[in-house]
């Protein structure tokens, strides 16, 4: 290998290592908030997001808010989901995503950018009249049930969350007791919004955090 090529290769490797370190750091920090549907990986998201607020305005259920300055200048004004208080309705036409012109939020694309190749679909989704017209559902967060505060686990029947889940098979029942299938659940938090206990018996955790 020529001297010039050697140093070029070394520089590329060093640059790659720096990018990997920055990406890992961004992912670790992102464990503190939940991005809107189909957000890119955190570093790519931060590089693409212009803080234009279009996704915030496009959300018909006011679930998206802007991160505050206390979290740092790098993420100030970027969008996140307020799943502690509201649920994401997984809107059929994904208005927050289609409003994002810089593609910080982007629907799945076909391999090799082939426009004729259809993205993966969720044949069981009931979010639209035609499931073939909807991309696979994104994993937003992790939802789990606190059995110590959930009423059916203590004896009295409840069922407040029974009809809240829009994803078939995500919220299941063992007799009167609800259970969440982690392989199916998107973490949309609509069951949490419907929960009547205080504090809520449905807990929402970011994907990057260890959960119960």
N, C-alpha and C. Protein backbone atom coordinates (compact mmCIF):
# COMPACT_ATOMS: atom_id res chain seq x y z
N UNK A 1 0.84 -1.19 0.00
CA UNK A 1 0.00 0.00 0.00
C UNK A 1 0.88 1.25 0.00
N UNK A 2 0.55 2.20 -0.88
CA UNK A 2 1.30 3.44 -0.95
C UNK A 2 1.07 4.26 0.32
N UNK A 3 2.04 5.12 0.63
CA UNK A 3 1.96 5.95 1.83
C UNK A 3 0.69 6.79 1.84
N UNK A 4 0.36 7.41 0.69
CA UNK A 4 -0.83 8.26 0.63
C UNK A 4 -2.09 7.45 0.88
N UNK A 5 -2.16 6.27 0.25
CA UNK A 5 -3.33 5.41 0.44
C UNK A 5 -3.44 4.94 1.89
N UNK A 6 -2.30 4.68 2.51
CA UNK A 6 -2.28 4.24 3.90
C UNK A 6 -2.91 5.30 4.80
N UNK A 7 -2.52 6.54 4.61
CA UNK A 7 -3.04 7.61 5.46
C UNK A 7 -4.52 7.90 5.15
N UNK A 8 -4.92 7.75 3.88
CA UNK A 8 -6.32 7.93 3.54
C UNK A 8 -7.18 6.87 4.22
N UNK A 9 -6.70 5.64 4.20
CA UNK A 9 -7.44 4.55 4.85
C UNK A 9 -7.53 4.79 6.35
N UNK A 10 -6.42 5.21 6.95
CA UNK A 10 -6.41 5.50 8.39
C UNK A 10 -7.35 6.62 8.75
N UNK A 11 -7.40 7.66 7.91
CA UNK A 11 -8.29 8.79 8.16
C UNK A 11 -9.75 8.37 8.08
N UNK A 12 -10.07 7.52 7.10
CA UNK A 12 -11.45 7.05 6.97
C UNK A 12 -11.86 6.22 8.19
N UNK A 13 -10.95 5.38 8.64
CA UNK A 13 -11.25 4.56 9.81
C UNK A 13 -11.43 5.42 11.06
N UNK A 14 -10.58 6.43 11.19
CA UNK A 14 -10.70 7.32 12.35
C UNK A 14 -12.00 8.09 12.31
N UNK A 15 -12.36 8.57 11.10
CA UNK A 15 -13.62 9.30 10.97
C UNK A 15 -14.80 8.40 11.28
N UNK A 16 -14.73 7.16 10.82
CA UNK A 16 -15.80 6.21 11.10
C UNK A 16 -15.94 5.94 12.58
N UNK A 17 -14.81 5.84 13.27
CA UNK A 17 -14.84 5.60 14.72
C UNK A 17 -15.46 6.77 15.45
N UNK A 18 -15.17 7.99 15.01
CA UNK A 18 -15.75 9.19 15.62
C UNK A 18 -17.26 9.21 15.43
N UNK A 19 -17.70 8.91 14.20
CA UNK A 19 -19.14 8.89 13.92
C UNK A 19 -19.84 7.84 14.77
N UNK A 20 -19.22 6.67 14.89
CA UNK A 20 -19.81 5.60 15.70
C UNK A 20 -19.93 6.04 17.16
N UNK A 21 -18.91 6.73 17.66
CA UNK A 21 -18.93 7.20 19.04
C UNK A 21 -20.04 8.23 19.24
N UNK A 22 -20.17 9.16 18.29
CA UNK A 22 -21.21 10.17 18.37
C UNK A 22 -22.60 9.53 18.30
N UNK A 23 -22.73 8.54 17.43
CA UNK A 23 -24.03 7.86 17.29
C UNK A 23 -24.40 7.13 18.58
N UNK A 24 -23.42 6.46 19.18
CA UNK A 24 -23.69 5.75 20.43
C UNK A 24 -24.09 6.72 21.54
N UNK A 25 -23.38 7.85 21.60
CA UNK A 25 -23.67 8.85 22.61
C UNK A 25 -25.08 9.42 22.42
N UNK A 26 -25.44 9.68 21.16
CA UNK A 26 -26.77 10.22 20.86
C UNK A 26 -27.85 9.22 21.24
N UNK A 27 -27.62 7.94 20.96
CA UNK A 27 -28.62 6.92 21.30
C UNK A 27 -28.79 6.81 22.81
N UNK A 28 -27.70 6.91 23.55
CA UNK A 28 -27.79 6.82 25.00
C UNK A 28 -28.60 7.99 25.57
N UNK A 29 -28.36 9.19 25.06
CA UNK A 29 -29.11 10.36 25.53
C UNK A 29 -30.57 10.26 25.14
N UNK A 30 -30.85 9.66 23.97
CA UNK A 30 -32.22 9.57 23.47
C UNK A 30 -33.07 8.61 24.29
N UNK A 31 -32.46 7.88 25.20
CA UNK A 31 -33.23 7.00 26.08
C UNK A 31 -34.09 7.80 27.05
N UNK A 32 -33.95 9.11 27.05
CA UNK A 32 -34.71 9.96 27.96
C UNK A 32 -35.98 10.52 27.33
N UNK A 33 -36.19 10.29 26.04
CA UNK A 33 -37.39 10.79 25.39
C UNK A 33 -37.82 9.83 24.28
N UNK A 34 -39.01 10.06 23.74
CA UNK A 34 -39.58 9.18 22.72
C UNK A 34 -39.86 10.01 21.47
N UNK A 35 -39.23 9.66 20.39
CA UNK A 35 -39.40 10.39 19.14
C UNK A 35 -40.72 10.00 18.46
N UNK A 36 -41.21 10.86 17.56
CA UNK A 36 -42.43 10.54 16.80
C UNK A 36 -42.22 9.31 15.91
N UNK A 37 -43.32 8.80 15.35
CA UNK A 37 -43.22 7.59 14.51
C UNK A 37 -42.23 7.75 13.35
N UNK A 38 -41.53 6.65 13.08
CA UNK A 38 -40.61 6.54 11.95
C UNK A 38 -39.46 7.55 12.01
N UNK A 39 -39.07 7.92 13.23
CA UNK A 39 -37.90 8.79 13.38
C UNK A 39 -36.64 8.01 13.01
N UNK A 40 -35.71 8.69 12.39
CA UNK A 40 -34.43 8.07 12.08
C UNK A 40 -33.66 7.82 13.38
N UNK A 41 -32.57 7.07 13.28
CA UNK A 41 -31.73 6.89 14.45
C UNK A 41 -31.28 8.26 14.95
N UNK A 42 -31.05 8.37 16.23
CA UNK A 42 -30.96 9.68 16.88
C UNK A 42 -29.97 10.63 16.21
N UNK A 43 -28.77 10.18 15.92
CA UNK A 43 -27.80 11.10 15.33
C UNK A 43 -28.28 11.58 13.96
N UNK A 44 -28.76 10.65 13.14
CA UNK A 44 -29.29 11.03 11.82
C UNK A 44 -30.50 11.94 11.96
N UNK A 45 -31.32 11.68 12.98
CA UNK A 45 -32.49 12.51 13.23
C UNK A 45 -32.07 13.95 13.55
N UNK A 46 -31.09 14.09 14.45
CA UNK A 46 -30.65 15.42 14.85
C UNK A 46 -30.02 16.18 13.69
N UNK A 47 -29.33 15.46 12.81
CA UNK A 47 -28.72 16.11 11.66
C UNK A 47 -29.77 16.55 10.64
N UNK A 48 -30.89 15.81 10.58
CA UNK A 48 -31.91 16.12 9.58
C UNK A 48 -32.96 17.11 10.08
N UNK A 49 -33.31 17.02 11.37
CA UNK A 49 -34.40 17.83 11.90
C UNK A 49 -34.04 19.32 11.89
N UNK A 50 -34.93 20.14 11.32
CA UNK A 50 -34.70 21.59 11.24
C UNK A 50 -35.43 22.37 12.32
N UNK A 51 -36.10 21.66 13.23
CA UNK A 51 -36.90 22.31 14.29
C UNK A 51 -37.98 23.20 13.70
N UNK A 52 -38.58 22.76 12.58
CA UNK A 52 -39.57 23.58 11.89
C UNK A 52 -40.94 23.54 12.54
N UNK A 53 -41.17 22.55 13.41
CA UNK A 53 -42.44 22.39 14.13
C UNK A 53 -43.59 21.90 13.26
N UNK A 54 -43.31 21.51 12.01
CA UNK A 54 -44.39 21.06 11.14
C UNK A 54 -45.04 19.78 11.66
N UNK A 55 -44.24 18.88 12.22
CA UNK A 55 -44.82 17.64 12.74
C UNK A 55 -45.66 17.91 13.98
N UNK A 56 -45.25 18.89 14.77
CA UNK A 56 -46.01 19.27 15.96
C UNK A 56 -47.38 19.79 15.55
N UNK A 57 -47.39 20.66 14.54
CA UNK A 57 -48.65 21.24 14.07
C UNK A 57 -49.53 20.21 13.37
N UNK A 58 -48.90 19.20 12.76
CA UNK A 58 -49.65 18.22 11.98
C UNK A 58 -50.34 17.18 12.84
N UNK A 59 -49.87 16.98 14.07
CA UNK A 59 -50.45 15.95 14.92
C UNK A 59 -51.86 16.34 15.33
N UNK A 60 -52.89 15.57 14.92
CA UNK A 60 -54.27 15.96 15.22
C UNK A 60 -54.67 15.73 16.68
N UNK A 61 -53.81 15.05 17.43
CA UNK A 61 -54.16 14.73 18.82
C UNK A 61 -53.23 15.42 19.83
N UNK A 62 -52.40 16.33 19.34
CA UNK A 62 -51.51 17.13 20.19
C UNK A 62 -50.63 16.24 21.09
N UNK A 63 -50.09 15.19 20.51
CA UNK A 63 -49.23 14.28 21.27
C UNK A 63 -47.76 14.69 21.15
N UNK A 64 -47.42 15.42 20.11
CA UNK A 64 -46.03 15.81 19.88
C UNK A 64 -45.74 17.16 20.52
N UNK A 65 -44.63 17.24 21.23
CA UNK A 65 -44.21 18.50 21.83
C UNK A 65 -42.73 18.72 21.55
N UNK A 66 -42.25 19.91 21.85
CA UNK A 66 -40.85 20.25 21.60
C UNK A 66 -40.04 20.07 22.88
N UNK A 67 -38.88 19.44 22.77
CA UNK A 67 -38.04 19.23 23.94
C UNK A 67 -37.51 20.57 24.46
N UNK A 68 -37.45 20.73 25.78
CA UNK A 68 -37.05 22.01 26.38
C UNK A 68 -35.54 22.21 26.41
N UNK A 69 -35.15 23.44 26.71
CA UNK A 69 -33.73 23.81 26.73
C UNK A 69 -32.95 23.07 27.79
N UNK A 70 -33.59 22.66 28.87
CA UNK A 70 -32.87 22.01 29.97
C UNK A 70 -32.24 20.68 29.55
N UNK A 71 -32.69 20.13 28.43
CA UNK A 71 -32.14 18.86 27.95
C UNK A 71 -30.91 19.06 27.08
N UNK A 72 -30.59 20.30 26.79
CA UNK A 72 -29.37 20.58 26.03
C UNK A 72 -29.67 21.21 24.69
N UNK A 73 -28.71 22.02 24.23
CA UNK A 73 -28.89 22.75 22.98
C UNK A 73 -29.00 21.82 21.79
N UNK A 74 -28.38 20.61 21.89
CA UNK A 74 -28.40 19.69 20.76
C UNK A 74 -29.81 19.22 20.43
N UNK A 75 -30.66 19.10 21.43
CA UNK A 75 -32.02 18.57 21.19
C UNK A 75 -33.09 19.62 21.41
N UNK A 76 -32.71 20.82 21.78
CA UNK A 76 -33.68 21.89 22.03
C UNK A 76 -34.59 22.09 20.83
N UNK A 77 -35.91 22.05 21.07
CA UNK A 77 -36.87 22.31 20.02
C UNK A 77 -37.17 21.13 19.11
N UNK A 78 -36.51 20.00 19.32
CA UNK A 78 -36.80 18.83 18.49
C UNK A 78 -38.05 18.13 19.03
N UNK A 79 -38.77 17.42 18.18
CA UNK A 79 -40.06 16.85 18.59
C UNK A 79 -39.92 15.53 19.35
N UNK A 80 -40.84 15.33 20.29
CA UNK A 80 -40.93 14.08 21.04
C UNK A 80 -42.40 13.82 21.34
N UNK A 81 -42.70 12.58 21.73
CA UNK A 81 -44.08 12.19 22.04
C UNK A 81 -44.35 12.29 23.54
N UNK A 82 -45.47 12.87 23.89
CA UNK A 82 -45.88 13.01 25.29
C UNK A 82 -46.72 11.80 25.70
N UNK A 83 -46.10 10.62 25.67
CA UNK A 83 -46.85 9.40 25.95
C UNK A 83 -47.15 9.20 27.43
N UNK A 84 -46.58 10.03 28.28
CA UNK A 84 -46.92 9.94 29.70
C UNK A 84 -48.34 10.44 29.94
N UNK A 85 -48.83 11.30 29.06
CA UNK A 85 -50.15 11.90 29.26
C UNK A 85 -51.15 11.59 28.15
N UNK A 86 -50.65 11.27 26.96
CA UNK A 86 -51.53 11.01 25.82
C UNK A 86 -51.00 9.82 25.03
N UNK A 87 -51.88 9.22 24.25
CA UNK A 87 -51.46 8.11 23.41
C UNK A 87 -51.32 8.53 21.96
N UNK A 88 -50.37 7.92 21.27
CA UNK A 88 -50.23 8.14 19.83
C UNK A 88 -51.28 7.29 19.12
N UNK A 89 -52.06 7.90 18.24
CA UNK A 89 -53.17 7.21 17.59
C UNK A 89 -52.74 6.44 16.34
N UNK A 90 -51.45 6.43 16.05
CA UNK A 90 -50.95 5.67 14.90
C UNK A 90 -51.78 5.97 13.66
N UNK A 91 -51.96 7.24 13.40
CA UNK A 91 -52.86 7.70 12.34
C UNK A 91 -52.57 6.99 11.02
N UNK A 92 -53.63 6.65 10.32
CA UNK A 92 -53.50 5.88 9.09
C UNK A 92 -52.61 6.56 8.07
N UNK A 93 -52.73 7.87 7.92
CA UNK A 93 -51.96 8.58 6.91
C UNK A 93 -50.68 9.20 7.46
N UNK A 94 -50.37 8.93 8.75
CA UNK A 94 -49.14 9.42 9.38
C UNK A 94 -48.89 10.91 9.07
N UNK A 95 -49.78 11.80 9.49
CA UNK A 95 -49.64 13.22 9.15
C UNK A 95 -48.34 13.85 9.65
N UNK A 96 -47.85 13.41 10.81
CA UNK A 96 -46.60 13.98 11.32
C UNK A 96 -45.43 13.61 10.42
N UNK A 97 -45.48 12.41 9.85
CA UNK A 97 -44.39 11.95 8.99
C UNK A 97 -44.45 12.64 7.64
N UNK A 98 -45.63 12.70 7.07
CA UNK A 98 -45.76 13.33 5.75
C UNK A 98 -45.48 14.82 5.80
N UNK A 99 -45.62 15.43 6.98
CA UNK A 99 -45.34 16.86 7.12
C UNK A 99 -43.85 17.15 7.22
N UNK A 100 -43.05 16.13 7.46
CA UNK A 100 -41.61 16.32 7.69
C UNK A 100 -40.86 16.37 6.37
N UNK A 101 -40.62 17.56 5.85
CA UNK A 101 -39.93 17.72 4.57
C UNK A 101 -38.47 17.29 4.61
N UNK A 102 -37.73 17.52 5.70
CA UNK A 102 -36.33 17.09 5.71
C UNK A 102 -36.15 15.59 5.95
N UNK A 103 -37.25 14.86 6.12
CA UNK A 103 -37.19 13.40 6.29
C UNK A 103 -36.48 12.96 7.56
N UNK A 104 -36.58 13.77 8.61
CA UNK A 104 -36.13 13.28 9.91
C UNK A 104 -37.08 12.18 10.38
N UNK A 105 -38.34 12.30 9.97
CA UNK A 105 -39.34 11.25 10.10
C UNK A 105 -39.59 10.75 8.69
N UNK A 106 -39.40 9.47 8.47
CA UNK A 106 -39.50 8.95 7.10
C UNK A 106 -40.08 7.55 7.11
N UNK A 107 -41.08 7.33 6.26
CA UNK A 107 -41.65 6.00 6.13
C UNK A 107 -40.61 5.04 5.57
N UNK A 108 -40.73 3.75 5.86
CA UNK A 108 -39.75 2.78 5.36
C UNK A 108 -39.64 2.83 3.85
N UNK A 109 -38.41 2.70 3.35
CA UNK A 109 -38.19 2.70 1.91
C UNK A 109 -37.74 1.32 1.48
N UNK A 110 -37.88 1.04 0.22
CA UNK A 110 -37.49 -0.25 -0.31
C UNK A 110 -35.98 -0.39 -0.34
N UNK A 111 -35.45 -1.61 -0.29
CA UNK A 111 -34.01 -1.82 -0.40
C UNK A 111 -33.48 -1.22 -1.70
N UNK A 112 -32.28 -0.63 -1.62
CA UNK A 112 -31.61 -0.04 -2.78
C UNK A 112 -32.42 1.08 -3.41
N UNK A 113 -33.34 1.68 -2.60
CA UNK A 113 -34.14 2.80 -3.10
C UNK A 113 -34.91 2.44 -4.37
N UNK A 114 -35.36 1.22 -4.45
CA UNK A 114 -36.12 0.77 -5.61
C UNK A 114 -37.56 1.25 -5.48
N UNK A 115 -38.00 2.19 -6.30
CA UNK A 115 -39.35 2.74 -6.14
C UNK A 115 -40.44 1.72 -6.44
N UNK A 116 -40.09 0.64 -7.14
CA UNK A 116 -41.09 -0.36 -7.49
C UNK A 116 -41.22 -1.45 -6.43
N UNK A 117 -40.35 -1.39 -5.40
CA UNK A 117 -40.39 -2.41 -4.36
C UNK A 117 -41.22 -1.91 -3.19
N UNK A 118 -42.22 -2.68 -2.79
CA UNK A 118 -43.09 -2.26 -1.70
C UNK A 118 -42.42 -2.48 -0.35
N UNK A 119 -42.55 -1.55 0.61
CA UNK A 119 -42.02 -1.77 1.96
C UNK A 119 -42.79 -2.86 2.67
N UNK A 120 -42.19 -3.36 3.74
CA UNK A 120 -42.85 -4.40 4.53
C UNK A 120 -44.21 -3.91 5.02
N UNK A 121 -45.17 -4.79 5.03
CA UNK A 121 -46.51 -4.44 5.48
C UNK A 121 -46.89 -5.26 6.70
N UNK A 122 -47.84 -4.76 7.43
CA UNK A 122 -48.38 -5.48 8.57
C UNK A 122 -49.77 -5.98 8.19
N UNK A 123 -49.90 -7.24 7.80
CA UNK A 123 -51.18 -7.73 7.31
C UNK A 123 -52.27 -7.76 8.36
N UNK A 124 -51.90 -7.69 9.64
CA UNK A 124 -52.89 -7.76 10.71
C UNK A 124 -53.32 -6.40 11.22
N UNK A 125 -52.72 -5.33 10.69
CA UNK A 125 -53.05 -4.00 11.19
C UNK A 125 -54.49 -3.65 10.86
N UNK A 126 -55.20 -3.07 11.82
CA UNK A 126 -56.58 -2.64 11.58
C UNK A 126 -56.66 -1.12 11.56
N UNK A 127 -55.55 -0.48 11.25
CA UNK A 127 -55.52 0.98 11.32
C UNK A 127 -56.06 1.66 10.07
N UNK A 128 -56.32 0.90 9.05
CA UNK A 128 -56.86 1.50 7.85
C UNK A 128 -57.83 0.55 7.17
N UNK A 129 -58.56 1.04 6.17
CA UNK A 129 -59.50 0.20 5.46
C UNK A 129 -58.77 -0.88 4.67
N UNK A 130 -57.57 -0.56 4.20
CA UNK A 130 -56.80 -1.53 3.42
C UNK A 130 -55.43 -1.66 4.05
N UNK A 131 -55.14 -2.77 4.76
CA UNK A 131 -53.85 -2.94 5.42
C UNK A 131 -52.69 -2.87 4.45
N UNK A 132 -52.92 -3.20 3.16
CA UNK A 132 -51.82 -3.17 2.20
C UNK A 132 -51.37 -1.75 1.88
N UNK A 133 -52.15 -0.76 2.30
CA UNK A 133 -51.80 0.63 2.04
C UNK A 133 -51.03 1.25 3.19
N UNK A 134 -50.70 0.48 4.23
CA UNK A 134 -50.04 1.05 5.41
C UNK A 134 -48.70 0.37 5.65
N UNK A 135 -47.66 1.14 6.00
CA UNK A 135 -46.37 0.53 6.33
C UNK A 135 -46.46 -0.19 7.67
N UNK A 136 -45.49 -1.05 7.92
CA UNK A 136 -45.44 -1.75 9.20
C UNK A 136 -45.42 -0.73 10.33
N UNK A 137 -46.05 -1.09 11.44
CA UNK A 137 -46.16 -0.15 12.54
C UNK A 137 -44.82 0.05 13.23
N UNK A 138 -44.49 1.27 13.61
CA UNK A 138 -43.21 1.54 14.28
C UNK A 138 -43.27 1.17 15.75
N UNK A 139 -42.15 0.80 16.31
CA UNK A 139 -42.04 0.57 17.75
C UNK A 139 -41.66 1.89 18.39
N UNK A 140 -42.57 2.45 19.17
CA UNK A 140 -42.36 3.77 19.76
C UNK A 140 -41.75 3.69 21.15
N UNK A 141 -42.26 2.78 21.95
CA UNK A 141 -41.83 2.68 23.35
C UNK A 141 -42.19 1.29 23.86
N UNK A 142 -41.95 1.07 25.13
CA UNK A 142 -42.29 -0.20 25.76
C UNK A 142 -43.38 0.05 26.79
N UNK A 143 -44.50 -0.66 26.66
CA UNK A 143 -45.60 -0.55 27.61
C UNK A 143 -45.68 -1.82 28.44
N UNK A 144 -45.92 -1.67 29.73
CA UNK A 144 -46.09 -2.84 30.58
C UNK A 144 -47.05 -2.51 31.71
N UNK A 145 -47.64 -3.54 32.27
CA UNK A 145 -48.68 -3.37 33.29
C UNK A 145 -48.10 -3.59 34.68
N UNK A 146 -48.33 -2.62 35.54
CA UNK A 146 -47.95 -2.73 36.95
C UNK A 146 -49.04 -3.53 37.66
N UNK A 147 -48.78 -4.78 37.89
CA UNK A 147 -49.79 -5.65 38.46
C UNK A 147 -50.17 -5.28 39.90
N UNK A 148 -49.30 -4.55 40.56
CA UNK A 148 -49.60 -4.16 41.94
C UNK A 148 -50.68 -3.08 42.00
N UNK A 149 -50.83 -2.31 40.95
CA UNK A 149 -51.84 -1.24 40.96
C UNK A 149 -52.99 -1.49 40.00
N UNK A 150 -52.83 -2.42 39.06
CA UNK A 150 -53.89 -2.73 38.10
C UNK A 150 -55.05 -3.39 38.85
N UNK A 151 -56.25 -2.84 38.72
CA UNK A 151 -57.40 -3.30 39.51
C UNK A 151 -57.73 -4.78 39.36
N UNK A 152 -57.78 -5.33 38.15
CA UNK A 152 -58.13 -6.75 38.03
C UNK A 152 -57.16 -7.69 38.75
N UNK A 153 -55.91 -7.27 38.90
CA UNK A 153 -54.95 -8.12 39.61
C UNK A 153 -55.18 -8.09 41.12
N UNK A 154 -55.94 -7.08 41.58
CA UNK A 154 -56.25 -6.98 43.00
C UNK A 154 -57.62 -7.57 43.33
N UNK A 155 -58.39 -7.88 42.31
CA UNK A 155 -59.70 -8.48 42.57
C UNK A 155 -60.84 -7.88 41.78
N UNK A 156 -61.07 -6.55 41.89
CA UNK A 156 -62.22 -5.97 41.18
C UNK A 156 -62.01 -5.92 39.67
N UNK A 157 -63.07 -6.15 38.92
CA UNK A 157 -62.98 -6.08 37.48
C UNK A 157 -62.89 -4.61 37.03
N UNK A 158 -62.27 -4.41 35.87
CA UNK A 158 -62.14 -3.04 35.37
C UNK A 158 -62.46 -3.00 33.88
N UNK A 159 -61.48 -3.27 33.05
CA UNK A 159 -61.71 -3.27 31.61
C UNK A 159 -61.69 -1.90 30.96
N UNK A 160 -61.21 -0.87 31.67
CA UNK A 160 -61.19 0.48 31.09
C UNK A 160 -60.34 0.55 29.83
N UNK A 161 -59.29 -0.27 29.78
CA UNK A 161 -58.39 -0.23 28.63
C UNK A 161 -58.77 -1.22 27.55
N UNK A 162 -59.84 -1.98 27.76
CA UNK A 162 -60.16 -3.13 26.91
C UNK A 162 -60.27 -2.78 25.43
N UNK A 163 -60.86 -1.63 25.13
CA UNK A 163 -61.09 -1.27 23.73
C UNK A 163 -60.16 -0.14 23.26
N UNK A 164 -59.12 0.13 24.01
CA UNK A 164 -58.24 1.25 23.68
C UNK A 164 -57.17 0.88 22.67
N UNK A 165 -56.76 -0.37 22.65
CA UNK A 165 -55.62 -0.77 21.83
C UNK A 165 -56.00 -0.90 20.36
N UNK A 166 -55.30 -0.21 19.44
CA UNK A 166 -55.62 -0.29 18.02
C UNK A 166 -54.88 -1.41 17.29
N UNK A 167 -53.99 -2.12 18.01
CA UNK A 167 -53.15 -3.14 17.37
C UNK A 167 -53.63 -4.53 17.78
N UNK A 168 -54.16 -5.30 16.86
CA UNK A 168 -54.66 -6.64 17.19
C UNK A 168 -53.59 -7.50 17.85
N UNK A 169 -53.93 -8.10 18.98
CA UNK A 169 -53.02 -9.01 19.65
C UNK A 169 -52.04 -8.37 20.61
N UNK A 170 -52.00 -7.04 20.66
CA UNK A 170 -51.04 -6.38 21.55
C UNK A 170 -51.52 -6.40 23.00
N UNK A 171 -52.80 -6.17 23.20
CA UNK A 171 -53.39 -6.20 24.54
C UNK A 171 -54.27 -7.44 24.62
N UNK A 172 -53.85 -8.40 25.42
CA UNK A 172 -54.58 -9.65 25.54
C UNK A 172 -55.13 -9.80 26.96
N UNK A 173 -55.97 -10.81 27.14
CA UNK A 173 -56.63 -10.97 28.43
C UNK A 173 -56.52 -12.42 28.90
N UNK A 174 -56.15 -12.56 30.15
CA UNK A 174 -56.15 -13.86 30.82
C UNK A 174 -57.29 -13.80 31.85
N UNK A 175 -58.49 -14.20 31.39
CA UNK A 175 -59.67 -13.97 32.21
C UNK A 175 -59.92 -12.48 32.26
N UNK A 176 -60.06 -11.89 33.46
CA UNK A 176 -60.30 -10.46 33.56
C UNK A 176 -59.02 -9.63 33.60
N UNK A 177 -57.86 -10.30 33.53
CA UNK A 177 -56.59 -9.60 33.71
C UNK A 177 -55.93 -9.26 32.36
N UNK A 178 -55.58 -8.00 32.16
CA UNK A 178 -54.94 -7.61 30.90
C UNK A 178 -53.45 -7.97 30.89
N UNK A 179 -52.94 -8.20 29.70
CA UNK A 179 -51.54 -8.50 29.52
C UNK A 179 -51.08 -7.87 28.21
N UNK A 180 -49.84 -7.44 28.14
CA UNK A 180 -49.32 -6.78 26.94
C UNK A 180 -48.29 -7.68 26.27
N UNK A 181 -48.50 -7.97 24.99
CA UNK A 181 -47.57 -8.77 24.21
C UNK A 181 -46.48 -7.86 23.65
N UNK A 182 -45.28 -8.00 24.17
CA UNK A 182 -44.20 -7.10 23.79
C UNK A 182 -43.79 -7.27 22.33
N UNK A 183 -44.06 -8.43 21.75
CA UNK A 183 -43.69 -8.66 20.35
C UNK A 183 -44.64 -7.95 19.39
N UNK A 184 -45.81 -7.59 19.87
CA UNK A 184 -46.83 -6.96 19.02
C UNK A 184 -47.05 -5.49 19.38
N UNK A 185 -46.95 -5.17 20.65
CA UNK A 185 -47.23 -3.81 21.13
C UNK A 185 -46.28 -2.79 20.52
N UNK A 186 -46.83 -1.67 20.09
CA UNK A 186 -46.02 -0.58 19.56
C UNK A 186 -45.60 0.42 20.63
N UNK A 187 -46.23 0.33 21.81
CA UNK A 187 -45.96 1.32 22.85
C UNK A 187 -46.66 2.63 22.59
N UNK A 188 -47.81 2.58 21.92
CA UNK A 188 -48.51 3.82 21.56
C UNK A 188 -49.11 4.52 22.77
N UNK A 189 -49.31 3.79 23.87
CA UNK A 189 -49.79 4.35 25.14
C UNK A 189 -51.27 4.70 25.16
N UNK A 190 -52.04 4.26 24.19
CA UNK A 190 -53.48 4.50 24.25
C UNK A 190 -54.13 3.74 25.40
N UNK A 191 -53.60 2.57 25.73
CA UNK A 191 -54.13 1.85 26.89
C UNK A 191 -53.80 2.59 28.19
N UNK A 192 -52.65 3.23 28.23
CA UNK A 192 -52.30 4.04 29.41
C UNK A 192 -53.25 5.22 29.54
N UNK A 193 -53.55 5.86 28.42
CA UNK A 193 -54.45 7.01 28.45
C UNK A 193 -55.84 6.60 28.96
N UNK A 194 -56.26 5.37 28.62
CA UNK A 194 -57.57 4.90 29.03
C UNK A 194 -57.60 4.39 30.47
N UNK A 195 -56.45 4.10 31.03
CA UNK A 195 -56.37 3.54 32.38
C UNK A 195 -56.95 4.53 33.40
N UNK A 196 -57.74 4.02 34.35
CA UNK A 196 -58.43 4.89 35.30
C UNK A 196 -57.76 4.95 36.67
N UNK A 197 -56.72 4.16 36.88
CA UNK A 197 -56.07 4.20 38.20
C UNK A 197 -55.15 5.41 38.28
N UNK A 198 -54.84 5.80 39.49
CA UNK A 198 -53.93 6.92 39.72
C UNK A 198 -52.95 6.54 40.83
N UNK A 199 -51.66 6.38 40.54
CA UNK A 199 -51.05 6.57 39.22
C UNK A 199 -51.46 5.49 38.23
N UNK A 200 -51.17 5.73 36.98
CA UNK A 200 -51.57 4.81 35.91
C UNK A 200 -50.93 3.43 36.10
N UNK A 201 -51.71 2.41 35.85
CA UNK A 201 -51.20 1.04 35.97
C UNK A 201 -50.45 0.58 34.73
N UNK A 202 -50.64 1.27 33.61
CA UNK A 202 -49.87 0.99 32.41
C UNK A 202 -48.67 1.92 32.40
N UNK A 203 -47.50 1.35 32.41
CA UNK A 203 -46.26 2.12 32.43
C UNK A 203 -45.66 2.19 31.03
N UNK A 204 -45.07 3.32 30.72
CA UNK A 204 -44.43 3.52 29.43
C UNK A 204 -42.96 3.84 29.66
N UNK A 205 -42.11 3.10 29.00
CA UNK A 205 -40.66 3.29 29.12
C UNK A 205 -40.05 3.42 27.74
N UNK A 206 -39.04 4.24 27.60
CA UNK A 206 -38.36 4.34 26.31
C UNK A 206 -37.66 3.02 26.00
N UNK A 207 -37.49 2.77 24.71
CA UNK A 207 -36.90 1.50 24.29
C UNK A 207 -35.48 1.36 24.82
N UNK A 208 -34.78 2.48 24.95
CA UNK A 208 -33.40 2.41 25.38
C UNK A 208 -33.19 2.16 26.85
N UNK A 209 -34.26 2.13 27.64
CA UNK A 209 -34.13 1.90 29.07
C UNK A 209 -34.52 0.48 29.44
N UNK A 210 -33.93 -0.02 30.51
CA UNK A 210 -34.28 -1.35 31.01
C UNK A 210 -35.65 -1.27 31.63
N UNK A 211 -36.52 -2.22 31.29
CA UNK A 211 -37.89 -2.21 31.82
C UNK A 211 -38.14 -3.43 32.66
N UNK A 212 -39.26 -3.38 33.40
CA UNK A 212 -39.64 -4.48 34.26
C UNK A 212 -40.00 -5.71 33.46
